[in-house]
Amino acid sequence: RTPEQAAQFSAAARENGFGVIIAAAGKAAHLAGVLAAHTTLP
């Protein structure tokens, strides 16, 4: 429902001081993969 927002957040996560991203989702559960596709953070 908000793939652009998720991609932007993930792409900027390292420069915004994050070291790790935890993603929780049910059913189709593509959130972790979408976030991982846009970052080199774990």
All heavy atoms as atom14 arrays in JSON, in Angstrom:
{
  "sequence": "RTPEQAAQFSAAARENGFGVIIAAAGKAAHLAGVLAAHTTLP",
  "atom14_mask": [
    [1, 1, 1, 1, 1, 1, 1, 1, 1, 1, 1, 0, 0, 0],
    [1, 1, 1, 1, 1, 1, 1, 0, 0, 0, 0, 0, 0, 0],
    [1, 1, 1, 1, 1, 1, 1, 0, 0, 0, 0, 0, 0, 0],
    [1, 1, 1, 1, 1, 1, 1, 1, 1, 0, 0, 0, 0, 0],
    [1, 1, 1, 1, 1, 1, 1, 1, 1, 0, 0, 0, 0, 0],
    [1, 1, 1, 1, 1, 0, 0, 0, 0, 0, 0, 0, 0, 0],
    [1, 1, 1, 1, 1, 0, 0, 0, 0, 0, 0, 0, 0, 0],
    [1, 1, 1, 1, 1, 1, 1, 1, 1, 0, 0, 0, 0, 0],
    [1, 1, 1, 1, 1, 1, 1, 1, 1, 1, 1, 0, 0, 0],
    [1, 1, 1, 1, 1, 1, 0, 0, 0, 0, 0, 0, 0, 0],
    [1, 1, 1, 1, 1, 0, 0, 0, 0, 0, 0, 0, 0, 0],
    [1, 1, 1, 1, 1, 0, 0, 0, 0, 0, 0, 0, 0, 0],
    [1, 1, 1, 1, 1, 0, 0, 0, 0, 0, 0, 0, 0, 0],
    [1, 1, 1, 1, 1, 1, 1, 1, 1, 1, 1, 0, 0, 0],
    [1, 1, 1, 1, 1, 1, 1, 1, 1, 0, 0, 0, 0, 0],
    [1, 1, 1, 1, 1, 1, 1, 1, 0, 0, 0, 0, 0, 0],
    [1, 1, 1, 1, 0, 0, 0, 0, 0, 0, 0, 0, 0, 0],
    [1, 1, 1, 1, 1, 1, 1, 1, 1, 1, 1, 0, 0, 0],
    [1, 1, 1, 1, 0, 0, 0, 0, 0, 0, 0, 0, 0, 0],
    [1, 1, 1, 1, 1, 1, 1, 0, 0, 0, 0, 0, 0, 0],
    [1, 1, 1, 1, 1, 1, 1, 1, 0, 0, 0, 0, 0, 0],
    [1, 1, 1, 1, 1, 1, 1, 1, 0, 0, 0, 0, 0, 0],
    [1, 1, 1, 1, 1, 0, 0, 0, 0, 0, 0, 0, 0, 0],
    [1, 1, 1, 1, 1, 0, 0, 0, 0, 0, 0, 0, 0, 0],
    [1, 1, 1, 1, 1, 0, 0, 0, 0, 0, 0, 0, 0, 0],
    [1, 1, 1, 1, 0, 0, 0, 0, 0, 0, 0, 0, 0, 0],
    [1, 1, 1, 1, 1, 1, 1, 1, 1, 0, 0, 0, 0, 0],
    [1, 1, 1, 1, 1, 0, 0, 0, 0, 0, 0, 0, 0, 0],
    [1, 1, 1, 1, 1, 0, 0, 0, 0, 0, 0, 0, 0, 0],
    [1, 1, 1, 1, 1, 1, 1, 1, 1, 1, 0, 0, 0, 0],
    [1, 1, 1, 1, 1, 1, 1, 1, 0, 0, 0, 0, 0, 0],
    [1, 1, 1, 1, 1, 0, 0, 0, 0, 0, 0, 0, 0, 0],
    [1, 1, 1, 1, 0, 0, 0, 0, 0, 0, 0, 0, 0, 0],
    [1, 1, 1, 1, 1, 1, 1, 0, 0, 0, 0, 0, 0, 0],
    [1, 1, 1, 1, 1, 1, 1, 1, 0, 0, 0, 0, 0, 0],
    [1, 1, 1, 1, 1, 0, 0, 0, 0, 0, 0, 0, 0, 0],
    [1, 1, 1, 1, 1, 0, 0, 0, 0, 0, 0, 0, 0, 0],
    [1, 1, 1, 1, 1, 1, 1, 1, 1, 1, 0, 0, 0, 0],
    [1, 1, 1, 1, 1, 1, 1, 0, 0, 0, 0, 0, 0, 0],
    [1, 1, 1, 1, 1, 1, 1, 0, 0, 0, 0, 0, 0, 0],
    [1, 1, 1, 1, 1, 1, 1, 1, 0, 0, 0, 0, 0, 0],
    [1, 1, 1, 1, 1, 1, 1, 0, 0, 0, 0, 0, 0, 0]
  ],
  "atom14_positions": [
    [[0.81, -1.22, 0.0], [0.0, 0.0, 0.0], [0.84, 1.27, 0.0], [0.38, 2.32, -0.47], [-0.96, -0.02, 1.2], [-2.02, -1.1, 1.06], [-2.98, -1.13, 2.24], [-2.35, -1.56, 3.49], [-2.25, -2.83, 3.89], [-2.74, -3.8, 3.14], [-1.66, -3.14, 5.03], [0.0, 0.0, 0.0], [0.0, 0.0, 0.0], [0.0, 0.0, 0.0]],
    [[2.08, 1.21, 0.52], [2.97, 2.38, 0.5], [4.38, 1.95, 0.07], [5.36, 2.19, 0.77], [3.03, 3.06, 1.89], [3.54, 2.12, 2.85], [1.68, 3.58, 2.33], [0.0, 0.0, 0.0], [0.0, 0.0, 0.0], [0.0, 0.0, 0.0], [0.0, 0.0, 0.0], [0.0, 0.0, 0.0], [0.0, 0.0, 0.0], [0.0, 0.0, 0.0]],
    [[4.51, 1.31, -1.09], [5.83, 0.8, -1.49], [6.88, 1.88, -1.7], [8.04, 1.66, -1.39], [5.53, 0.04, -2.79], [4.28, 0.66, -3.32], [3.48, 1.05, -2.1], [0.0, 0.0, 0.0], [0.0, 0.0, 0.0], [0.0, 0.0, 0.0], [0.0, 0.0, 0.0], [0.0, 0.0, 0.0], [0.0, 0.0, 0.0], [0.0, 0.0, 0.0]],
    [[6.47, 3.05, -2.18], [7.44, 4.12, -2.39], [7.99, 4.61, -1.05], [9.19, 4.85, -0.91], [6.82, 5.31, -3.16], [6.44, 4.98, -4.58], [5.04, 4.37, -4.7], [4.27, 4.34, -3.69], [4.71, 3.9, -5.8], [0.0, 0.0, 0.0], [0.0, 0.0, 0.0], [0.0, 0.0, 0.0], [0.0, 0.0, 0.0], [0.0, 0.0, 0.0]],
    [[7.12, 4.76, -0.06], [7.55, 5.2, 1.27], [8.52, 4.18, 1.88], [9.55, 4.55, 2.44], [6.34, 5.39, 2.18], [6.71, 5.82, 3.58], [5.51, 5.82, 4.53], [4.43, 5.36, 4.2], [5.72, 6.32, 5.73], [0.0, 0.0, 0.0], [0.0, 0.0, 0.0], [0.0, 0.0, 0.0], [0.0, 0.0, 0.0], [0.0, 0.0, 0.0]],
    [[8.2, 2.9, 1.75], [9.07, 1.85, 2.3], [10.44, 1.89, 1.6], [11.48, 1.79, 2.26], [8.4, 0.49, 2.14], [0.0, 0.0, 0.0], [0.0, 0.0, 0.0], [0.0, 0.0, 0.0], [0.0, 0.0, 0.0], [0.0, 0.0, 0.0], [0.0, 0.0, 0.0], [0.0, 0.0, 0.0], [0.0, 0.0, 0.0], [0.0, 0.0, 0.0]],
    [[10.43, 2.02, 0.29], [11.69, 2.05, -0.47], [12.52, 3.26, -0.08], [13.75, 3.16, 0.11], [11.39, 2.04, -1.96], [0.0, 0.0, 0.0], [0.0, 0.0, 0.0], [0.0, 0.0, 0.0], [0.0, 0.0, 0.0], [0.0, 0.0, 0.0], [0.0, 0.0, 0.0], [0.0, 0.0, 0.0], [0.0, 0.0, 0.0], [0.0, 0.0, 0.0]],
    [[11.89, 4.43, 0.04], [12.62, 5.65, 0.4], [13.21, 5.54, 1.8], [14.35, 5.94, 2.03], [11.71, 6.86, 0.29], [11.37, 7.23, -1.14], [10.26, 8.28, -1.23], [9.71, 8.73, -0.22], [9.94, 8.67, -2.45], [0.0, 0.0, 0.0], [0.0, 0.0, 0.0], [0.0, 0.0, 0.0], [0.0, 0.0, 0.0], [0.0, 0.0, 0.0]],
    [[12.41, 5.03, 2.74], [12.91, 4.88, 4.1], [14.14, 3.98, 4.13], [15.16, 4.31, 4.73], [11.82, 4.3, 5.02], [12.3, 4.1, 6.43], [12.18, 5.13, 7.35], [12.91, 2.92, 6.83], [12.65, 4.98, 8.66], [13.37, 2.76, 8.12], [13.24, 3.79, 9.03], [0.0, 0.0, 0.0], [0.0, 0.0, 0.0], [0.0, 0.0, 0.0]],
    [[14.03, 2.85, 3.47], [15.12, 1.87, 3.47], [16.36, 2.42, 2.78], [17.48, 2.23, 3.27], [14.63, 0.59, 2.79], [15.6, -0.4, 2.85], [0.0, 0.0, 0.0], [0.0, 0.0, 0.0], [0.0, 0.0, 0.0], [0.0, 0.0, 0.0], [0.0, 0.0, 0.0], [0.0, 0.0, 0.0], [0.0, 0.0, 0.0], [0.0, 0.0, 0.0]],
    [[16.18, 3.08, 1.66], [17.31, 3.63, 0.92], [18.08, 4.67, 1.72], [19.3, 4.78, 1.6], [16.84, 4.22, -0.4], [0.0, 0.0, 0.0], [0.0, 0.0, 0.0], [0.0, 0.0, 0.0], [0.0, 0.0, 0.0], [0.0, 0.0, 0.0], [0.0, 0.0, 0.0], [0.0, 0.0, 0.0], [0.0, 0.0, 0.0], [0.0, 0.0, 0.0]],
    [[17.4, 5.4, 2.58], [18.03, 6.45, 3.37], [18.38, 6.0, 4.79], [18.93, 6.78, 5.56], [17.09, 7.66, 3.45], [0.0, 0.0, 0.0], [0.0, 0.0, 0.0], [0.0, 0.0, 0.0], [0.0, 0.0, 0.0], [0.0, 0.0, 0.0], [0.0, 0.0, 0.0], [0.0, 0.0, 0.0], [0.0, 0.0, 0.0], [0.0, 0.0, 0.0]],
    [[18.09, 4.76, 5.14], [18.25, 4.3, 6.52], [19.68, 4.44, 7.03], [19.9, 4.89, 8.17], [17.76, 2.86, 6.66], [0.0, 0.0, 0.0], [0.0, 0.0, 0.0], [0.0, 0.0, 0.0], [0.0, 0.0, 0.0], [0.0, 0.0, 0.0], [0.0, 0.0, 0.0], [0.0, 0.0, 0.0], [0.0, 0.0, 0.0], [0.0, 0.0, 0.0]],
    [[20.66, 4.05, 6.27], [22.05, 4.13, 6.73], [22.44, 5.57, 7.02], [22.97, 5.88, 8.09], [23.0, 3.51, 5.7], [24.46, 3.49, 6.17], [25.4, 2.93, 5.11], [25.09, 1.56, 4.76], [25.56, 0.48, 5.4], [26.35, 0.64, 6.45], [25.24, -0.72, 4.99], [0.0, 0.0, 0.0], [0.0, 0.0, 0.0], [0.0, 0.0, 0.0]],
    [[22.15, 6.48, 6.1], [22.52, 7.88, 6.32], [21.71, 8.52, 7.45], [22.12, 9.52, 8.02], [22.41, 8.7, 5.03], [21.0, 8.91, 4.55], [20.94, 9.56, 3.16], [21.65, 9.1, 2.25], [20.16, 10.51, 3.02], [0.0, 0.0, 0.0], [0.0, 0.0, 0.0], [0.0, 0.0, 0.0], [0.0, 0.0, 0.0], [0.0, 0.0, 0.0]],
    [[20.58, 7.91, 7.8], [19.77, 8.41, 8.9], [20.11, 7.76, 10.24], [19.37, 7.9, 11.21], [18.29, 8.23, 8.59], [17.82, 9.21, 7.53], [18.31, 10.34, 7.45], [16.88, 8.8, 6.7], [0.0, 0.0, 0.0], [0.0, 0.0, 0.0], [0.0, 0.0, 0.0], [0.0, 0.0, 0.0], [0.0, 0.0, 0.0], [0.0, 0.0, 0.0]],
    [[21.23, 7.04, 10.29], [21.75, 6.55, 11.57], [21.3, 5.16, 11.99], [21.53, 4.75, 13.11], [0.0, 0.0, 0.0], [0.0, 0.0, 0.0], [0.0, 0.0, 0.0], [0.0, 0.0, 0.0], [0.0, 0.0, 0.0], [0.0, 0.0, 0.0], [0.0, 0.0, 0.0], [0.0, 0.0, 0.0], [0.0, 0.0, 0.0], [0.0, 0.0, 0.0]],
    [[20.66, 4.42, 11.08], [20.23, 3.07, 11.41], [21.35, 2.08, 11.13], [22.16, 2.27, 10.23], [18.97, 2.69, 10.62], [17.78, 3.5, 11.01], [17.42, 4.63, 10.3], [17.02, 3.15, 12.12], [16.33, 5.4, 10.66], [15.93, 3.91, 12.5], [15.58, 5.04, 11.78], [0.0, 0.0, 0.0], [0.0, 0.0, 0.0], [0.0, 0.0, 0.0]],
    [[21.37, 1.0, 11.91], [22.34, -0.07, 11.7], [21.69, -1.37, 11.29], [22.32, -2.22, 10.67], [0.0, 0.0, 0.0], [0.0, 0.0, 0.0], [0.0, 0.0, 0.0], [0.0, 0.0, 0.0], [0.0, 0.0, 0.0], [0.0, 0.0, 0.0], [0.0, 0.0, 0.0], [0.0, 0.0, 0.0], [0.0, 0.0, 0.0], [0.0, 0.0, 0.0]],
    [[20.41, -1.54, 11.63], [19.65, -2.75, 11.32], [18.19, -2.35, 11.14], [17.71, -1.44, 11.81], [19.75, -3.8, 12.46], [18.95, -5.05, 12.14], [21.2, -4.17, 12.76], [0.0, 0.0, 0.0], [0.0, 0.0, 0.0], [0.0, 0.0, 0.0], [0.0, 0.0, 0.0], [0.0, 0.0, 0.0], [0.0, 0.0, 0.0], [0.0, 0.0, 0.0]],
    [[17.51, -3.07, 10.26], [16.07, -2.88, 10.08], [15.38, -4.19, 10.42], [15.78, -5.26, 9.94], [15.73, -2.49, 8.63], [16.39, -1.16, 8.25], [14.21, -2.42, 8.44], [16.26, -0.8, 6.77], [0.0, 0.0, 0.0], [0.0, 0.0, 0.0], [0.0, 0.0, 0.0], [0.0, 0.0, 0.0], [0.0, 0.0, 0.0], [0.0, 0.0, 0.0]],
    [[14.37, -4.11, 11.27], [13.51, -5.26, 11.56], [12.17, -5.0, 10.88], [11.61, -3.91, 11.02], [13.31, -5.43, 13.08], [14.64, -5.76, 13.76], [12.26, -6.5, 13.37], [14.55, -5.79, 15.29], [0.0, 0.0, 0.0], [0.0, 0.0, 0.0], [0.0, 0.0, 0.0], [0.0, 0.0, 0.0], [0.0, 0.0, 0.0], [0.0, 0.0, 0.0]],
    [[11.67, -5.98, 10.15], [10.42, -5.83, 9.42], [9.46, -6.94, 9.81], [9.79, -8.12, 9.68], [10.67, -5.86, 7.91], [0.0, 0.0, 0.0], [0.0, 0.0, 0.0], [0.0, 0.0, 0.0], [0.0, 0.0, 0.0], [0.0, 0.0, 0.0], [0.0, 0.0, 0.0], [0.0, 0.0, 0.0], [0.0, 0.0, 0.0], [0.0, 0.0, 0.0]],
    [[8.28, -6.56, 10.29], [7.27, -7.54, 10.68], [6.08, -7.43, 9.75], [5.55, -6.34, 9.54], [6.84, -7.29, 12.12], [0.0, 0.0, 0.0], [0.0, 0.0, 0.0], [0.0, 0.0, 0.0], [0.0, 0.0, 0.0], [0.0, 0.0, 0.0], [0.0, 0.0, 0.0], [0.0, 0.0, 0.0], [0.0, 0.0, 0.0], [0.0, 0.0, 0.0]],
    [[5.66, -8.58, 9.22], [4.49, -8.57, 8.33], [3.87, -9.95, 8.3], [4.54, -10.96, 8.48], [4.9, -8.14, 6.92], [0.0, 0.0, 0.0], [0.0, 0.0, 0.0], [0.0, 0.0, 0.0], [0.0, 0.0, 0.0], [0.0, 0.0, 0.0], [0.0, 0.0, 0.0], [0.0, 0.0, 0.0], [0.0, 0.0, 0.0], [0.0, 0.0, 0.0]],
    [[2.59, -9.96, 8.08], [1.85, -11.22, 7.96], [1.38, -11.43, 6.54], [1.64, -10.63, 5.65], [0.0, 0.0, 0.0], [0.0, 0.0, 0.0], [0.0, 0.0, 0.0], [0.0, 0.0, 0.0], [0.0, 0.0, 0.0], [0.0, 0.0, 0.0], [0.0, 0.0, 0.0], [0.0, 0.0, 0.0], [0.0, 0.0, 0.0], [0.0, 0.0, 0.0]],
    [[0.69, -12.53, 6.35], [0.12, -12.93, 5.06], [1.19, -12.95, 3.98], [2.14, -13.71, 4.07], [-1.08, -12.06, 4.71], [-2.19, -12.2, 5.73], [-3.42, -11.43, 5.31], [-4.49, -11.6, 6.38], [-5.7, -10.9, 6.05], [0.0, 0.0, 0.0], [0.0, 0.0, 0.0], [0.0, 0.0, 0.0], [0.0, 0.0, 0.0], [0.0, 0.0, 0.0]],
    [[1.09, -12.13, 2.93], [2.05, -12.15, 1.83], [3.45, -11.75, 2.29], [4.43, -12.18, 1.71], [1.59, -11.26, 0.69], [0.0, 0.0, 0.0], [0.0, 0.0, 0.0], [0.0, 0.0, 0.0], [0.0, 0.0, 0.0], [0.0, 0.0, 0.0], [0.0, 0.0, 0.0], [0.0, 0.0, 0.0], [0.0, 0.0, 0.0], [0.0, 0.0, 0.0]],
    [[3.55, -10.94, 3.32], [4.8, -10.62, 4.03], [5.97, -10.23, 3.12], [7.07, -10.71, 3.29], [5.2, -11.78, 4.94], [0.0, 0.0, 0.0], [0.0, 0.0, 0.0], [0.0, 0.0, 0.0], [0.0, 0.0, 0.0], [0.0, 0.0, 0.0], [0.0, 0.0, 0.0], [0.0, 0.0, 0.0], [0.0, 0.0, 0.0], [0.0, 0.0, 0.0]],
    [[5.76, -9.32, 2.22], [6.83, -8.87, 1.34], [7.63, -7.7, 1.9], [8.59, -7.26, 1.29], [6.25, -8.48, -0.03], [5.65, -9.62, -0.75], [4.36, -9.63, -1.2], [6.16, -10.83, -1.08], [4.09, -10.78, -1.78], [5.17, -11.52, -1.71], [0.0, 0.0, 0.0], [0.0, 0.0, 0.0], [0.0, 0.0, 0.0], [0.0, 0.0, 0.0]],
    [[7.24, -7.19, 3.06], [7.86, -5.98, 3.59], [9.37, -6.12, 3.78], [10.13, -5.25, 3.35], [7.19, -5.58, 4.91], [7.69, -4.29, 5.56], [7.51, -3.1, 4.63], [6.98, -4.06, 6.87], [0.0, 0.0, 0.0], [0.0, 0.0, 0.0], [0.0, 0.0, 0.0], [0.0, 0.0, 0.0], [0.0, 0.0, 0.0], [0.0, 0.0, 0.0]],
    [[9.83, -7.17, 4.42], [11.27, -7.33, 4.65], [12.04, -7.35, 3.33], [13.1, -6.73, 3.21], [11.55, -8.6, 5.45], [0.0, 0.0, 0.0], [0.0, 0.0, 0.0], [0.0, 0.0, 0.0], [0.0, 0.0, 0.0], [0.0, 0.0, 0.0], [0.0, 0.0, 0.0], [0.0, 0.0, 0.0], [0.0, 0.0, 0.0], [0.0, 0.0, 0.0]],
    [[11.5, -8.03, 2.34], [12.16, -8.1, 1.04], [12.2, -6.76, 0.34], [13.21, -6.4, -0.27], [0.0, 0.0, 0.0], [0.0, 0.0, 0.0], [0.0, 0.0, 0.0], [0.0, 0.0, 0.0], [0.0, 0.0, 0.0], [0.0, 0.0, 0.0], [0.0, 0.0, 0.0], [0.0, 0.0, 0.0], [0.0, 0.0, 0.0], [0.0, 0.0, 0.0]],
    [[11.13, -6.01, 0.4], [11.1, -4.67, -0.22], [12.13, -3.78, 0.45], [12.88, -3.07, -0.22], [9.69, -4.06, -0.15], [9.71, -2.57, -0.48], [8.74, -4.8, -1.09], [0.0, 0.0, 0.0], [0.0, 0.0, 0.0], [0.0, 0.0, 0.0], [0.0, 0.0, 0.0], [0.0, 0.0, 0.0], [0.0, 0.0, 0.0], [0.0, 0.0, 0.0]],
    [[12.18, -3.82, 1.78], [13.17, -3.01, 2.49], [14.59, -3.45, 2.14], [15.47, -2.62, 1.89], [12.92, -3.07, 3.99], [11.59, -2.48, 4.47], [11.36, -2.83, 5.94], [11.53, -0.98, 4.25], [0.0, 0.0, 0.0], [0.0, 0.0, 0.0], [0.0, 0.0, 0.0], [0.0, 0.0, 0.0], [0.0, 0.0, 0.0], [0.0, 0.0, 0.0]],
    [[14.82, -4.76, 2.12], [16.16, -5.29, 1.82], [16.6, -4.95, 0.4], [17.8, -4.76, 0.15], [16.18, -6.8, 2.02], [0.0, 0.0, 0.0], [0.0, 0.0, 0.0], [0.0, 0.0, 0.0], [0.0, 0.0, 0.0], [0.0, 0.0, 0.0], [0.0, 0.0, 0.0], [0.0, 0.0, 0.0], [0.0, 0.0, 0.0], [0.0, 0.0, 0.0]],
    [[15.67, -4.84, -0.51], [16.0, -4.53, -1.9], [16.56, -3.13, -2.06], [17.24, -2.85, -3.05], [14.76, -4.69, -2.77], [0.0, 0.0, 0.0], [0.0, 0.0, 0.0], [0.0, 0.0, 0.0], [0.0, 0.0, 0.0], [0.0, 0.0, 0.0], [0.0, 0.0, 0.0], [0.0, 0.0, 0.0], [0.0, 0.0, 0.0], [0.0, 0.0, 0.0]],
    [[16.32, -2.26, -1.07], [16.71, -0.86, -1.21], [17.78, -0.42, -0.23], [18.01, 0.78, -0.06], [15.47, 0.03, -1.07], [14.5, -0.15, -2.18], [13.47, -1.05, -2.13], [14.45, 0.41, -3.41], [12.8, -1.01, -3.26], [13.38, -0.14, -4.05], [0.0, 0.0, 0.0], [0.0, 0.0, 0.0], [0.0, 0.0, 0.0], [0.0, 0.0, 0.0]],
    [[18.44, -1.37, 0.45], [19.48, -1.01, 1.42], [20.56, -2.07, 1.44], [20.35, -3.2, 0.98], [18.88, -0.85, 2.84], [19.88, -0.31, 3.71], [18.37, -2.17, 3.4], [0.0, 0.0, 0.0], [0.0, 0.0, 0.0], [0.0, 0.0, 0.0], [0.0, 0.0, 0.0], [0.0, 0.0, 0.0], [0.0, 0.0, 0.0], [0.0, 0.0, 0.0]],
    [[21.72, -1.71, 1.98], [22.77, -2.68, 2.24], [22.85, -3.0, 3.74], [23.73, -3.74, 4.16], [24.14, -2.18, 1.75], [24.41, -0.93, 2.37], [24.14, -2.03, 0.23], [0.0, 0.0, 0.0], [0.0, 0.0, 0.0], [0.0, 0.0, 0.0], [0.0, 0.0, 0.0], [0.0, 0.0, 0.0], [0.0, 0.0, 0.0], [0.0, 0.0, 0.0]],
    [[21.95, -2.43, 4.52], [21.89, -2.75, 5.95], [21.3, -4.15, 6.14], [20.5, -4.6, 5.3], [21.0, -1.74, 6.7], [21.53, -0.32, 6.82], [20.49, 0.55, 7.5], [22.84, -0.29, 7.57], [0.0, 0.0, 0.0], [0.0, 0.0, 0.0], [0.0, 0.0, 0.0], [0.0, 0.0, 0.0], [0.0, 0.0, 0.0], [0.0, 0.0, 0.0]],
    [[21.62, -4.81, 7.24], [20.96, -6.08, 7.53], [19.48, -5.86, 7.79], [19.09, -4.9, 8.47], [21.65, -6.59, 8.8], [22.8, -5.68, 9.07], [22.62, -4.45, 8.25], [0.0, 0.0, 0.0], [0.0, 0.0, 0.0], [0.0, 0.0, 0.0], [0.0, 0.0, 0.0], [0.0, 0.0, 0.0], [0.0, 0.0, 0.0], [0.0, 0.0, 0.0]]
  ]
}
